C-alpha atoms as a PDB file:
ATOM      1  CA  MET A   1     -55.658  40.691  -9.019  1.00  0.00           C
ATOM      2  CA  GLY A   2     -54.215  40.547 -12.477  1.00  0.00           C
ATOM      3  CA  CYS A   3     -56.026  40.344 -15.755  1.00  0.00           C
ATOM      4  CA  GLY A   4     -55.763  36.643 -16.633  1.00  0.00           C
ATOM      5  CA  LEU A   5     -57.945  33.608 -16.010  1.00  0.00           C
ATOM      6  CA  ARG A   6     -55.531  32.103 -13.534  1.00  0.00           C
ATOM      7  CA  PHE A   7     -57.985  31.018 -10.861  1.00  0.00           C
ATOM      8  CA  PRO A   8     -61.781  30.618 -10.797  1.00  0.00           C
ATOM      9  CA  GLY A   9     -63.545  31.862  -7.695  1.00  0.00           C
ATOM     10  CA  LEU A  10     -66.478  33.567  -6.110  1.00  0.00           C
ATOM     11  CA  LEU A  11     -67.490  37.135  -6.817  1.00  0.00           C
ATOM     12  CA  LEU A  12     -65.604  39.035  -4.136  1.00  0.00           C
ATOM     13  CA  LEU A  13     -66.781  42.571  -4.752  1.00  0.00           C
ATOM     14  CA  LEU A  14     -70.235  43.966  -5.303  1.00  0.00           C
ATOM     15  CA  ALA A  15     -70.928  44.423  -9.003  1.00  0.00           C
ATOM     16  CA  SER A  16     -71.634  48.095  -8.431  1.00  0.00           C
ATOM     17  CA  ALA A  17     -68.542  48.684  -6.270  1.00  0.00           C
ATOM     18  CA  PRO A  18     -67.389  52.291  -6.581  1.00  0.00           C
ATOM     19  CA  ALA A  19     -63.794  53.193  -7.336  1.00  0.00           C
ATOM     20  CA  LEU A  20     -61.049  54.296  -4.982  1.00  0.00           C
ATOM     21  CA  ALA A  21     -61.433  51.436  -2.514  1.00  0.00           C
ATOM     22  CA  SER A  22     -59.130  51.269   0.498  1.00  0.00           C
ATOM     23  CA  THR A  23     -57.370  48.372   2.192  1.00  0.00           C
ATOM     24  CA  TYR A  24     -57.276  48.402   5.992  1.00  0.00           C
ATOM     25  CA  VAL A  25     -54.312  46.483   7.418  1.00  0.00           C
ATOM     26  CA  VAL A  26     -54.062  45.597  11.110  1.00  0.00           C
ATOM     27  CA  THR A  27     -51.020  43.744  12.456  1.00  0.00           C
ATOM     28  CA  VAL A  28     -50.886  42.517  16.040  1.00  0.00           C
ATOM     29  CA  ALA A  29     -47.780  41.167  17.804  1.00  0.00           C
ATOM     30  CA  GLY A  30     -49.149  39.279  20.794  1.00  0.00           C
ATOM     31  CA  LEU A  31     -47.672  38.363  24.145  1.00  0.00           C
ATOM     32  CA  GLY A  32     -44.223  36.782  23.863  1.00  0.00           C
ATOM     33  CA  GLY A  33     -43.958  35.452  27.399  1.00  0.00           C
ATOM     34  CA  GLU A  34     -40.163  35.749  27.407  1.00  0.00           C
ATOM     35  CA  PRO A  35     -37.687  38.332  26.047  1.00  0.00           C
ATOM     36  CA  ASP A  36     -36.635  36.333  22.992  1.00  0.00           C
ATOM     37  CA  TYR A  37     -40.185  35.944  21.740  1.00  0.00           C
ATOM     38  CA  GLU A  38     -41.142  39.495  22.675  1.00  0.00           C
ATOM     39  CA  GLN A  39     -38.285  40.839  20.565  1.00  0.00           C
ATOM     40  CA  ARG A  40     -38.960  38.460  17.685  1.00  0.00           C
ATOM     41  CA  PHE A  41     -42.692  39.224  17.517  1.00  0.00           C
ATOM     42  CA  THR A  42     -42.097  42.980  17.711  1.00  0.00           C
ATOM     43  CA  MET A  43     -39.490  42.883  14.963  1.00  0.00           C
ATOM     44  CA  LEU A  44     -41.795  40.920  12.661  1.00  0.00           C
ATOM     45  CA  ALA A  45     -44.653  43.358  13.290  1.00  0.00           C
ATOM     46  CA  ASP A  46     -42.325  46.289  12.588  1.00  0.00           C
ATOM     47  CA  ASP A  47     -41.278  44.643   9.312  1.00  0.00           C
ATOM     48  CA  VAL A  48     -44.887  44.167   8.232  1.00  0.00           C
ATOM     49  CA  ASP A  49     -45.697  47.760   9.156  1.00  0.00           C
ATOM     50  CA  LYS A  50     -42.770  49.068   7.116  1.00  0.00           C
ATOM     51  CA  ILE A  51     -43.657  46.909   4.119  1.00  0.00           C
ATOM     52  CA  MET A  52     -47.323  47.817   4.171  1.00  0.00           C
ATOM     53  CA  ARG A  53     -46.575  51.536   4.470  1.00  0.00           C
ATOM     54  CA  GLY A  54     -43.889  51.359   1.794  1.00  0.00           C
ATOM     55  CA  GLY A  55     -44.157  52.672  -1.729  1.00  0.00           C
ATOM     56  CA  GLY A  56     -46.449  55.505  -0.694  1.00  0.00           C
ATOM     57  CA  GLN A  57     -49.487  53.457  -1.645  1.00  0.00           C
ATOM     58  CA  THR A  58     -52.353  55.810  -0.876  1.00  0.00           C
ATOM     59  CA  ASP A  59     -55.015  53.097  -0.884  1.00  0.00           C
ATOM     60  CA  ARG A  60     -53.825  51.662   2.429  1.00  0.00           C
ATOM     61  CA  VAL A  61     -54.735  52.376   6.058  1.00  0.00           C
ATOM     62  CA  VAL A  62     -52.209  50.657   8.351  1.00  0.00           C
ATOM     63  CA  GLU A  63     -52.469  50.018  12.102  1.00  0.00           C
ATOM     64  CA  THR A  64     -49.858  48.057  14.068  1.00  0.00           C
ATOM     65  CA  LEU A  65     -50.223  46.960  17.694  1.00  0.00           C
ATOM     66  CA  LYS A  66     -47.212  45.594  19.567  1.00  0.00           C
ATOM     67  CA  GLY A  67     -45.685  45.350  23.013  1.00  0.00           C
ATOM     68  CA  PRO A  68     -47.812  46.831  25.807  1.00  0.00           C
ATOM     69  CA  ASP A  69     -50.134  48.414  23.213  1.00  0.00           C
ATOM     70  CA  ALA A  70     -51.222  45.033  21.849  1.00  0.00           C
ATOM     71  CA  THR A  71     -53.983  44.595  24.398  1.00  0.00           C
ATOM     72  CA  ARG A  72     -57.433  43.196  23.859  1.00  0.00           C
ATOM     73  CA  ALA A  73     -58.925  46.632  24.551  1.00  0.00           C
ATOM     74  CA  ARG A  74     -56.699  48.304  21.935  1.00  0.00           C
ATOM     75  CA  LEU A  75     -57.450  45.589  19.384  1.00  0.00           C
ATOM     76  CA  GLU A  76     -61.184  45.888  19.984  1.00  0.00           C
ATOM     77  CA  ALA A  77     -61.003  49.679  19.689  1.00  0.00           C
ATOM     78  CA  THR A  78     -59.032  49.432  16.433  1.00  0.00           C
ATOM     79  CA  LEU A  79     -61.446  46.965  14.861  1.00  0.00           C
ATOM     80  CA  ASN A  80     -64.481  48.956  16.012  1.00  0.00           C
ATOM     81  CA  LYS A  81     -62.977  52.088  14.477  1.00  0.00           C
ATOM     82  CA  ILE A  82     -62.511  50.319  11.157  1.00  0.00           C
ATOM     83  CA  ALA A  83     -66.055  48.959  11.372  1.00  0.00           C
ATOM     84  CA  GLY A  84     -67.247  52.556  11.486  1.00  0.00           C
ATOM     85  CA  GLU A  85     -65.076  53.709   8.570  1.00  0.00           C
ATOM     86  CA  ALA A  86     -64.825  50.868   6.066  1.00  0.00           C
ATOM     87  CA  LYS A  87     -67.114  50.560   3.058  1.00  0.00           C
ATOM     88  CA  PRO A  88     -68.344  47.427   1.240  1.00  0.00           C
ATOM     89  CA  GLN A  89     -65.899  48.031  -1.625  1.00  0.00           C
ATOM     90  CA  ASP A  90     -62.938  48.111   0.780  1.00  0.00           C
ATOM     91  CA  ALA A  91     -60.647  45.260   1.805  1.00  0.00           C
ATOM     92  CA  PHE A  92     -59.478  44.320   5.292  1.00  0.00           C
ATOM     93  CA  VAL A  93     -56.410  42.370   6.422  1.00  0.00           C
ATOM     94  CA  LEU A  94     -55.636  41.157   9.949  1.00  0.00           C
ATOM     95  CA  MET A  95     -52.210  39.604  10.628  1.00  0.00           C
ATOM     96  CA  MET A  96     -51.652  37.954  14.011  1.00  0.00           C
ATOM     97  CA  ILE A  97     -48.122  37.168  15.230  1.00  0.00           C
ATOM     98  CA  GLY A  98     -47.364  35.395  18.501  1.00  0.00           C
ATOM     99  CA  HIS A  99     -48.662  32.532  20.616  1.00  0.00           C
ATOM    100  CA  GLY A 100     -52.071  30.952  20.656  1.00  0.00           C
ATOM    101  CA  THR A 101     -53.726  28.305  22.807  1.00  0.00           C
ATOM    102  CA  PHE A 102     -56.443  25.723  22.204  1.00  0.00           C
ATOM    103  CA  ASP A 103     -58.243  23.831  24.969  1.00  0.00           C
ATOM    104  CA  GLY A 104     -60.025  21.382  22.696  1.00  0.00           C
ATOM    105  CA  SER A 105     -62.957  23.631  21.949  1.00  0.00           C
ATOM    106  CA  GLU A 106     -61.824  27.267  21.946  1.00  0.00           C
ATOM    107  CA  TYR A 107     -58.791  29.001  20.455  1.00  0.00           C
ATOM    108  CA  LYS A 108     -57.352  32.102  22.133  1.00  0.00           C
ATOM    109  CA  PHE A 109     -54.793  34.626  20.892  1.00  0.00           C
ATOM    110  CA  ASN A 110     -52.400  35.485  23.721  1.00  0.00           C
ATOM    111  CA  LEU A 111     -52.249  39.219  24.457  1.00  0.00           C
ATOM    112  CA  PRO A 112     -50.916  41.336  27.352  1.00  0.00           C
ATOM    113  CA  GLY A 113     -53.723  41.126  29.891  1.00  0.00           C
ATOM    114  CA  PRO A 114     -56.900  39.278  28.840  1.00  0.00           C
ATOM    115  CA  ASP A 115     -56.611  37.067  25.771  1.00  0.00           C
ATOM    116  CA  ILE A 116     -59.144  37.162  22.952  1.00  0.00           C
ATOM    117  CA  SER A 117     -60.898  34.069  21.648  1.00  0.00           C
ATOM    118  CA  ALA A 118     -61.518  33.245  17.995  1.00  0.00           C
ATOM    119  CA  THR A 119     -65.256  33.512  18.612  1.00  0.00           C
ATOM    120  CA  GLU A 120     -64.893  36.978  20.117  1.00  0.00           C
ATOM    121  CA  LEU A 121     -62.585  38.038  17.309  1.00  0.00           C
ATOM    122  CA  ALA A 122     -65.006  36.774  14.674  1.00  0.00           C
ATOM    123  CA  GLY A 123     -67.763  38.851  16.251  1.00  0.00           C
ATOM    124  CA  LEU A 124     -65.655  41.983  15.832  1.00  0.00           C
ATOM    125  CA  LEU A 125     -64.654  41.131  12.264  1.00  0.00           C
ATOM    126  CA  ASN A 126     -68.231  40.394  11.252  1.00  0.00           C
ATOM    127  CA  ARG A 127     -69.103  44.017  12.020  1.00  0.00           C
ATOM    128  CA  ILE A 128     -66.547  45.304   9.495  1.00  0.00           C
ATOM    129  CA  PRO A 129     -68.411  45.953   6.220  1.00  0.00           C
ATOM    130  CA  ALA A 130     -65.353  45.494   3.963  1.00  0.00           C
ATOM    131  CA  GLY A 131     -66.404  43.128   1.196  1.00  0.00           C
ATOM    132  CA  ARG A 132     -63.063  41.291   1.086  1.00  0.00           C
ATOM    133  CA  GLN A 133     -61.368  40.131   4.256  1.00  0.00           C
ATOM    134  CA  LEU A 134     -58.179  38.207   4.981  1.00  0.00           C
ATOM    135  CA  VAL A 135     -57.082  36.864   8.358  1.00  0.00           C
ATOM    136  CA  VAL A 136     -53.548  35.492   8.673  1.00  0.00           C
ATOM    137  CA  ASP A 137     -53.167  33.825  12.070  1.00  0.00           C
ATOM    138  CA  MET A 138     -49.500  32.882  12.452  1.00  0.00           C
ATOM    139  CA  THR A 139     -49.624  31.675  16.044  1.00  0.00           C
ATOM    140  CA  SER A 140     -49.264  28.265  17.606  1.00  0.00           C
ATOM    141  CA  ALA A 141     -52.558  26.319  17.698  1.00  0.00           C
ATOM    142  CA  SER A 142     -53.971  28.727  15.082  1.00  0.00           C
ATOM    143  CA  GLY A 143     -55.659  25.903  13.192  1.00  0.00           C
ATOM    144  CA  GLY A 144     -58.114  25.761  16.072  1.00  0.00           C
ATOM    145  CA  ALA A 145     -59.414  29.217  15.106  1.00  0.00           C
ATOM    146  CA  VAL A 146     -60.542  28.381  11.569  1.00  0.00           C
ATOM    147  CA  SER A 147     -64.067  27.164  12.291  1.00  0.00           C
ATOM    148  CA  ALA A 148     -64.899  30.309  14.262  1.00  0.00           C
ATOM    149  CA  LEU A 149     -63.275  32.738  11.820  1.00  0.00           C
ATOM    150  CA  LYS A 150     -64.672  31.288   8.582  1.00  0.00           C
ATOM    151  CA  HIS A 151     -67.045  33.622   6.757  1.00  0.00           C
ATOM    152  CA  GLU A 152     -68.408  33.880   3.239  1.00  0.00           C
ATOM    153  CA  ASN A 153     -66.279  36.942   2.385  1.00  0.00           C
ATOM    154  CA  ARG A 154     -63.236  36.058   4.500  1.00  0.00           C
ATOM    155  CA  THR A 155     -60.109  34.065   3.655  1.00  0.00           C
ATOM    156  CA  VAL A 156     -58.400  32.456   6.647  1.00  0.00           C
ATOM    157  CA  ILE A 157     -54.750  31.417   6.646  1.00  0.00           C
ATOM    158  CA  THR A 158     -53.229  29.698   9.680  1.00  0.00           C
ATOM    159  CA  ALA A 159     -49.745  28.511  10.604  1.00  0.00           C
ATOM    160  CA  THR A 160     -51.036  25.157  11.865  1.00  0.00           C
ATOM    161  CA  LYS A 161     -53.559  22.659  10.572  1.00  0.00           C
ATOM    162  CA  SER A 162     -55.216  22.192  13.953  1.00  0.00           C
ATOM    163  CA  GLY A 163     -55.372  23.475  17.491  1.00  0.00           C
ATOM    164  CA  THR A 164     -53.242  20.558  18.649  1.00  0.00           C
ATOM    165  CA  GLU A 165     -50.065  21.849  16.941  1.00  0.00           C
ATOM    166  CA  LYS A 166     -49.025  23.887  19.957  1.00  0.00           C
ATOM    167  CA  ASN A 167     -45.316  24.561  19.474  1.00  0.00           C
ATOM    168  CA  ALA A 168     -44.060  28.047  18.620  1.00  0.00           C
ATOM    169  CA  THR A 169     -44.237  28.584  14.867  1.00  0.00           C
ATOM    170  CA  VAL A 170     -41.771  29.811  12.238  1.00  0.00           C
ATOM    171  CA  PHE A 171     -44.427  30.488   9.590  1.00  0.00           C
ATOM    172  CA  ALA A 172     -44.626  34.189  10.498  1.00  0.00           C
ATOM    173  CA  ARG A 173     -40.979  34.734   9.588  1.00  0.00           C
ATOM    174  CA  PHE A 174     -41.467  33.305   6.112  1.00  0.00           C
ATOM    175  CA  TRP A 175     -44.780  35.103   5.593  1.00  0.00           C
ATOM    176  CA  VAL A 176     -42.998  38.417   6.170  1.00  0.00           C
ATOM    177  CA  GLU A 177     -40.210  37.276   3.873  1.00  0.00           C
ATOM    178  CA  ALA A 178     -42.795  36.587   1.158  1.00  0.00           C
ATOM    179  CA  LEU A 179     -44.042  40.168   1.375  1.00  0.00           C
ATOM    180  CA  ARG A 180     -40.631  41.581   0.532  1.00  0.00           C
ATOM    181  CA  ASP A 181     -39.334  38.959  -1.897  1.00  0.00           C
ATOM    182  CA  PRO A 182     -40.318  39.510  -5.573  1.00  0.00           C
ATOM    183  CA  GLU A 183     -39.835  35.763  -6.065  1.00  0.00           C
ATOM    184  CA  ALA A 184     -43.145  35.263  -4.258  1.00  0.00           C
ATOM    185  CA  ASP A 185     -44.816  36.880  -7.278  1.00  0.00           C
ATOM    186  CA  VAL A 186     -45.070  33.627  -9.229  1.00  0.00           C
ATOM    187  CA  ASP A 187     -47.058  34.989 -12.192  1.00  0.00           C
ATOM    188  CA  LYS A 188     -44.831  38.098 -12.431  1.00  0.00           C
ATOM    189  CA  ASN A 189     -47.679  40.617 -12.536  1.00  0.00           C
ATOM    190  CA  GLU A 190     -46.050  42.744  -9.790  1.00  0.00           C
ATOM    191  CA  ILE A 191     -48.831  41.821  -7.386  1.00  0.00           C
ATOM    192  CA  ILE A 192     -48.321  39.340  -4.542  1.00  0.00           C
ATOM    193  CA  SER A 193     -51.632  37.661  -3.838  1.00  0.00           C
ATOM    194  CA  ALA A 194     -52.543  36.116  -0.502  1.00  0.00           C
ATOM    195  CA  LEU A 195     -52.203  32.677  -2.103  1.00  0.00           C
ATOM    196  CA  GLU A 196     -48.759  33.452  -3.515  1.00  0.00           C
ATOM    197  CA  ALA A 197     -47.560  34.677  -0.108  1.00  0.00           C
ATOM    198  CA  PHE A 198     -49.044  31.597   1.554  1.00  0.00           C
ATOM    199  CA  GLN A 199     -47.449  29.153  -0.875  1.00  0.00           C
ATOM    200  CA  TYR A 200     -44.067  30.871  -0.522  1.00  0.00           C
ATOM    201  CA  ALA A 201     -44.217  30.767   3.286  1.00  0.00           C
ATOM    202  CA  GLU A 202     -45.598  27.222   3.339  1.00  0.00           C
ATOM    203  CA  LYS A 203     -42.717  25.972   1.180  1.00  0.00           C
ATOM    204  CA  LYS A 204     -40.103  27.798   3.268  1.00  0.00           C
ATOM    205  CA  THR A 205     -41.623  26.454   6.495  1.00  0.00           C
ATOM    206  CA  ALA A 206     -41.454  22.865   5.263  1.00  0.00           C
ATOM    207  CA  LEU A 207     -37.863  23.418   4.102  1.00  0.00           C
ATOM    208  CA  PHE A 208     -36.909  24.817   7.525  1.00  0.00           C
ATOM    209  CA  TYR A 209     -37.889  21.591   9.273  1.00  0.00           C
ATOM    210  CA  SER A 210     -36.427  19.403   6.542  1.00  0.00           C
ATOM    211  CA  GLU A 211     -33.023  21.084   6.615  1.00  0.00           C
ATOM    212  CA  ALA A 212     -32.952  21.025  10.417  1.00  0.00           C
ATOM    213  CA  LYS A 213     -33.901  17.311  10.286  1.00  0.00           C
ATOM    214  CA  HIS A 214     -36.718  17.965  12.734  1.00  0.00           C
ATOM    215  CA  LEU A 215     -40.241  16.614  12.663  1.00  0.00           C
ATOM    216  CA  ALA A 216     -42.491  19.426  11.447  1.00  0.00           C
ATOM    217  CA  THR A 217     -44.664  20.709  14.269  1.00  0.00           C
ATOM    218  CA  GLU A 218     -46.675  23.094  12.087  1.00  0.00           C
ATOM    219  CA  HIS A 219     -48.515  22.614   8.808  1.00  0.00           C
ATOM    220  CA  PRO A 220     -49.850  25.892   7.347  1.00  0.00           C
ATOM    221  CA  GLN A 221     -53.257  25.905   5.700  1.00  0.00           C
ATOM    222  CA  VAL A 222     -55.550  28.224   3.752  1.00  0.00           C
ATOM    223  CA  ASP A 223     -59.285  27.653   3.899  1.00  0.00           C
ATOM    224  CA  ASP A 224     -60.075  28.782   0.325  1.00  0.00           C
ATOM    225  CA  GLN A 225     -57.362  28.900  -2.313  1.00  0.00           C
ATOM    226  CA  GLN A 226     -59.642  30.519  -4.901  1.00  0.00           C
ATOM    227  CA  ARG A 227     -60.390  33.497  -2.688  1.00  0.00           C
ATOM    228  CA  ALA A 228     -56.753  33.727  -1.589  1.00  0.00           C
ATOM    229  CA  ALA A 229     -55.637  33.831  -5.234  1.00  0.00           C
ATOM    230  CA  SER A 230     -58.018  36.706  -5.882  1.00  0.00           C
ATOM    231  CA  PHE A 231     -56.843  38.790  -2.922  1.00  0.00           C
ATOM    232  CA  PRO A 232     -54.109  41.311  -3.938  1.00  0.00           C
ATOM    233  CA  LEU A 233     -51.999  41.634  -0.829  1.00  0.00           C
ATOM    234  CA  LEU A 234     -49.087  43.751  -2.029  1.00  0.00           C
ATOM    235  CA  ARG A 235     -48.304  45.699  -5.205  1.00  0.00           C
ATOM    236  CA  PHE A 236     -44.865  46.813  -6.319  1.00  0.00           C
ATOM    237  CA  GLY A 237     -43.183  48.290  -9.382  1.00  0.00           C
ATOM    238  CA  SER A 238     -45.577  49.543 -12.044  1.00  0.00           C
ATOM    239  CA  ALA A 239     -48.550  47.951 -10.278  1.00  0.00           C
ATOM    240  CA  ALA A 240     -47.874  50.138  -7.228  1.00  0.00           C
ATOM    241  CA  ALA A 241     -47.420  53.241  -9.399  1.00  0.00           C
ATOM    242  CA  VAL A 242     -50.799  52.652 -11.017  1.00  0.00           C
ATOM    243  CA  ILE A 243     -52.652  52.309  -7.723  1.00  0.00           C
ATOM    244  CA  ASN A 244     -51.130  55.600  -6.500  1.00  0.00           C
ATOM    245  CA  ASP A 245     -52.525  57.542  -9.479  1.00  0.00           C
ATOM    246  CA  PRO A 246     -56.130  58.574  -8.636  1.00  0.00           C
ATOM    247  CA  ALA A 247     -57.176  58.479 -12.291  1.00  0.00           C
ATOM    248  CA  LYS A 248     -55.592  55.052 -12.763  1.00  0.00           C
ATOM    249  CA  ARG A 249     -57.107  53.743  -9.541  1.00  0.00           C
ATOM    250  CA  GLU A 250     -60.575  54.170 -10.990  1.00  0.00           C
ATOM    251  CA  LEU A 251     -59.535  52.148 -14.008  1.00  0.00           C
ATOM    252  CA  VAL A 252     -57.933  49.496 -11.799  1.00  0.00           C
ATOM    253  CA  ALA A 253     -61.144  49.248  -9.768  1.00  0.00           C
ATOM    254  CA  LYS A 254     -63.114  48.756 -12.984  1.00  0.00           C
ATOM    255  CA  ARG A 255     -60.667  46.110 -14.194  1.00  0.00           C
ATOM    256  CA  ASP A 256     -60.831  44.281 -10.862  1.00  0.00           C
ATOM    257  CA  GLU A 257     -64.618  44.374 -10.981  1.00  0.00           C
ATOM    258  CA  ILE A 258     -64.552  42.711 -14.416  1.00  0.00           C
ATOM    259  CA  ASP A 259     -61.971  40.215 -13.166  1.00  0.00           C
ATOM    260  CA  ASN A 260     -64.325  39.294 -10.334  1.00  0.00           C
ATOM    261  CA  LYS A 261     -67.220  38.842 -12.732  1.00  0.00           C
ATOM    262  CA  ILE A 262     -65.085  36.451 -14.768  1.00  0.00           C
ATOM    263  CA  ASP A 263     -64.233  34.484 -11.634  1.00  0.00           C
ATOM    264  CA  ALA A 264     -67.914  34.324 -10.676  1.00  0.00           C
ATOM    265  CA  LEU A 265     -68.907  33.236 -14.182  1.00  0.00           C
ATOM    266  CA  LYS A 266     -66.352  30.424 -14.187  1.00  0.00           C
ATOM    267  CA  TYR A 267     -67.679  29.290 -10.832  1.00  0.00           C
ATOM    268  CA  GLN A 268     -71.159  29.002 -12.354  1.00  0.00           C
ATOM    269  CA  LYS A 269     -70.014  27.314 -15.585  1.00  0.00           C
ATOM    270  CA  ALA A 270     -71.369  23.876 -14.686  1.00  0.00           C
ATOM    271  CA  LEU A 271     -74.867  25.321 -14.257  1.00  0.00           C
ATOM    272  CA  MET A 272     -74.939  27.223 -17.563  1.00  0.00           C
ATOM    273  CA  ALA A 273     -75.631  26.331 -21.172  1.00  0.00           C
ATOM    274  CA  PRO A 274     -72.279  26.145 -23.016  1.00  0.00           C
ATOM    275  CA  ASP A 275     -73.242  28.795 -25.598  1.00  0.00           C
ATOM    276  CA  ASP A 276     -74.446  31.209 -22.909  1.00  0.00           C
ATOM    277  CA  TYR A 277     -71.266  30.714 -20.917  1.00  0.00           C
ATOM    278  CA  LYS A 278     -69.092  31.287 -23.970  1.00  0.00           C
ATOM    279  CA  ARG A 279     -71.020  34.427 -24.960  1.00  0.00           C
ATOM    280  CA  GLN A 280     -70.782  36.004 -21.515  1.00  0.00           C
ATOM    281  CA  LEU A 281     -67.122  35.045 -21.092  1.00  0.00           C
ATOM    282  CA  THR A 282     -66.202  36.482 -24.493  1.00  0.00           C
ATOM    283  CA  GLN A 283     -67.843  39.816 -23.676  1.00  0.00           C
ATOM    284  CA  LEU A 284     -66.151  40.004 -20.291  1.00  0.00           C
ATOM    285  CA  LEU A 285     -62.767  39.267 -21.855  1.00  0.00           C
ATOM    286  CA  ILE A 286     -63.301  42.069 -24.354  1.00  0.00           C
ATOM    287  CA  ASP A 287     -64.251  44.438 -21.526  1.00  0.00           C
ATOM    288  CA  LEU A 288     -61.212  43.315 -19.542  1.00  0.00           C
ATOM    289  CA  ALA A 289     -58.860  43.913 -22.452  1.00  0.00           C
ATOM    290  CA  LYS A 290     -60.273  47.421 -22.962  1.00  0.00           C
ATOM    291  CA  ALA A 291     -59.869  48.216 -19.253  1.00  0.00           C
ATOM    292  CA  GLN A 292     -56.277  46.999 -19.243  1.00  0.00           C
ATOM    293  CA  GLU A 293     -55.511  48.972 -22.401  1.00  0.00           C
ATOM    294  CA  ALA A 294     -56.796  52.136 -20.710  1.00  0.00           C
ATOM    295  CA  ILE A 295     -54.600  51.448 -17.676  1.00  0.00           C
ATOM    296  CA  ASP A 296     -51.523  50.907 -19.834  1.00  0.00           C
ATOM    297  CA  LYS A 297     -51.908  54.199 -21.731  1.00  0.00           C
END
């Protein structure tokens, strides 16, 4: 999450969160409906899988469902398994690639066999105790899923602004590109946050339609930019090396905990006496600097 005051936000981890948290990553390539889409969705899911498993980052648990394995039953089993394993200090990421439908009231993610609705999916996700959750729905009509998927500890990113944008999307391609392009790391801290990946993919999506001189049929959205900015999606370089060192991981967890307290404090600033706010912020900044110094040794 970095050690600056880049974005205010809610407290995303429990104050007493233990070290050595894990991030569970589930990627699903849904039903293509025709060979071109089937191949495209599978390739994108394979790319995400490779990226998320890359660098030997030991804090990650990666599951990828594609082709005939991307069924509702397999997805439910995967999410139920994570619900039984994950801890409150852990993070969870679900990335959905493919087609979606919206009938005016209910969004559904198209899968081989029975589809799964946003309401049904939310029920499964709500059982996962991970304190930080991110859902990236890159399908057509994905904007129709937001109201069902919204949750106090969950950031929701969609390829479309509503369920009525029903054309096949290109957002997924640029989201994957963001995960492997260091240029997505705007603040150059060797961590790509969910917001940085979103902004990169959003910009590329708009450029795609502009250069093709086509009317844009998708408008990506994120439901909470503050939470998205505080969600470390991918580490590389020295940031990845640190997270792979068990001793350093404890220090990183402590630093992130302090970072979250700073975000929470800034969120409450308007309700606090100025002197009290300044005193608490100063102490947290001192603690943060000490934690970062220990990491850098």
